[in-house]
Amino acid sequence: MTEKKKVRITPETYQKMEDEFREEGLAFTITIPTQEEIDRWQAEIPIPTPVVHNHDMVAEMWEEHRRKDLDKE
């Protein structure tokens, strides 16, 4: 099992983003958090993401049902 590489986010990361925003002339700024705030944020339990099904289970069941009906005839 491979582990995800954890990116180390520091206040300097936010400072670099802020500098890029200024260079690009963007009309907003960001608040630069302390390392303690970043660590606390990363330690929080993530919000569960709902499962997205890639197929229609009802349609599959309906097709199976129709197939059985056709086999009976």
Protein backbone atom coordinates (compact mmCIF):
# COMPACT_ATOMS: atom_id res chain seq x y z
CA MET A 1 0.00 0.00 0.00
CA THR A 2 1.43 3.34 -0.99
CA GLU A 3 1.15 6.34 1.26
CA LYS A 4 0.22 9.77 -0.01
CA LYS A 5 3.03 12.26 0.08
CA LYS A 6 2.10 14.92 2.55
CA VAL A 7 2.95 18.41 1.37
CA ARG A 8 4.44 20.54 4.11
CA ILE A 9 2.44 23.76 4.23
CA THR A 10 4.09 26.62 6.06
CA PRO A 11 3.40 30.34 6.48
CA GLU A 12 6.01 30.85 3.75
CA THR A 13 3.74 28.90 1.37
CA TYR A 14 1.00 31.45 1.98
CA GLN A 15 3.46 34.33 1.67
CA LYS A 16 4.60 33.09 -1.75
CA MET A 17 0.96 32.87 -2.87
CA GLU A 18 0.33 36.40 -1.61
CA ASP A 19 3.39 37.68 -3.51
CA GLU A 20 2.18 36.00 -6.72
CA PHE A 21 -1.28 37.55 -6.31
CA ARG A 22 0.30 41.01 -6.00
CA GLU A 23 2.56 40.42 -9.04
CA GLU A 24 -0.46 39.37 -11.11
CA GLY A 25 -2.43 42.40 -9.91
CA LEU A 26 -5.26 40.35 -8.41
CA ALA A 27 -7.72 42.37 -6.34
CA PHE A 28 -7.64 40.29 -3.16
CA THR A 29 -5.27 39.30 -0.40
CA ILE A 30 -5.02 36.33 1.92
CA THR A 31 -4.39 36.18 5.64
CA ILE A 32 -1.15 34.38 6.39
CA PRO A 33 -1.73 31.86 9.20
CA THR A 34 0.78 30.83 11.83
CA GLN A 35 2.33 27.36 11.75
CA GLU A 36 0.20 26.41 14.77
CA GLU A 37 -2.99 27.37 12.88
CA ILE A 38 -1.89 25.35 9.85
CA ASP A 39 -1.04 22.31 11.98
CA ARG A 40 -4.39 22.51 13.80
CA TRP A 41 -6.24 22.77 10.46
CA GLN A 42 -4.40 19.74 9.04
CA ALA A 43 -5.06 17.68 12.19
CA GLU A 44 -8.84 18.15 11.94
CA ILE A 45 -10.97 15.19 10.94
CA PRO A 46 -11.83 15.55 7.24
CA ILE A 47 -15.43 16.05 6.15
CA PRO A 48 -16.74 12.76 4.70
CA THR A 49 -17.17 12.78 0.93
CA PRO A 50 -20.32 11.09 -0.40
CA VAL A 51 -19.88 8.03 -2.59
CA VAL A 52 -20.49 8.65 -6.28
CA HIS A 53 -21.58 5.58 -8.22
CA ASN A 54 -20.32 5.30 -11.78
CA HIS A 55 -23.18 3.12 -12.91
CA ASP A 56 -26.95 3.05 -12.55
CA MET A 57 -27.75 0.09 -10.29
CA VAL A 58 -31.51 0.46 -10.80
CA ALA A 59 -31.07 0.30 -14.58
CA GLU A 60 -28.90 -2.81 -14.21
CA MET A 61 -31.49 -4.50 -12.01
CA TRP A 62 -34.26 -3.57 -14.46
CA GLU A 63 -32.27 -5.03 -17.38
CA GLU A 64 -31.74 -8.26 -15.43
CA HIS A 65 -35.44 -8.43 -14.60
CA ARG A 66 -36.40 -7.89 -18.26
CA ARG A 67 -33.89 -10.53 -19.37
CA LYS A 68 -35.44 -13.07 -16.98
CA ASP A 69 -38.92 -12.23 -18.30
CA LEU A 70 -37.75 -12.75 -21.88
CA ASP A 71 -36.13 -16.07 -20.96
CA LYS A 72 -39.46 -17.30 -19.56
CA GLU A 73 -41.22 -16.70 -22.89
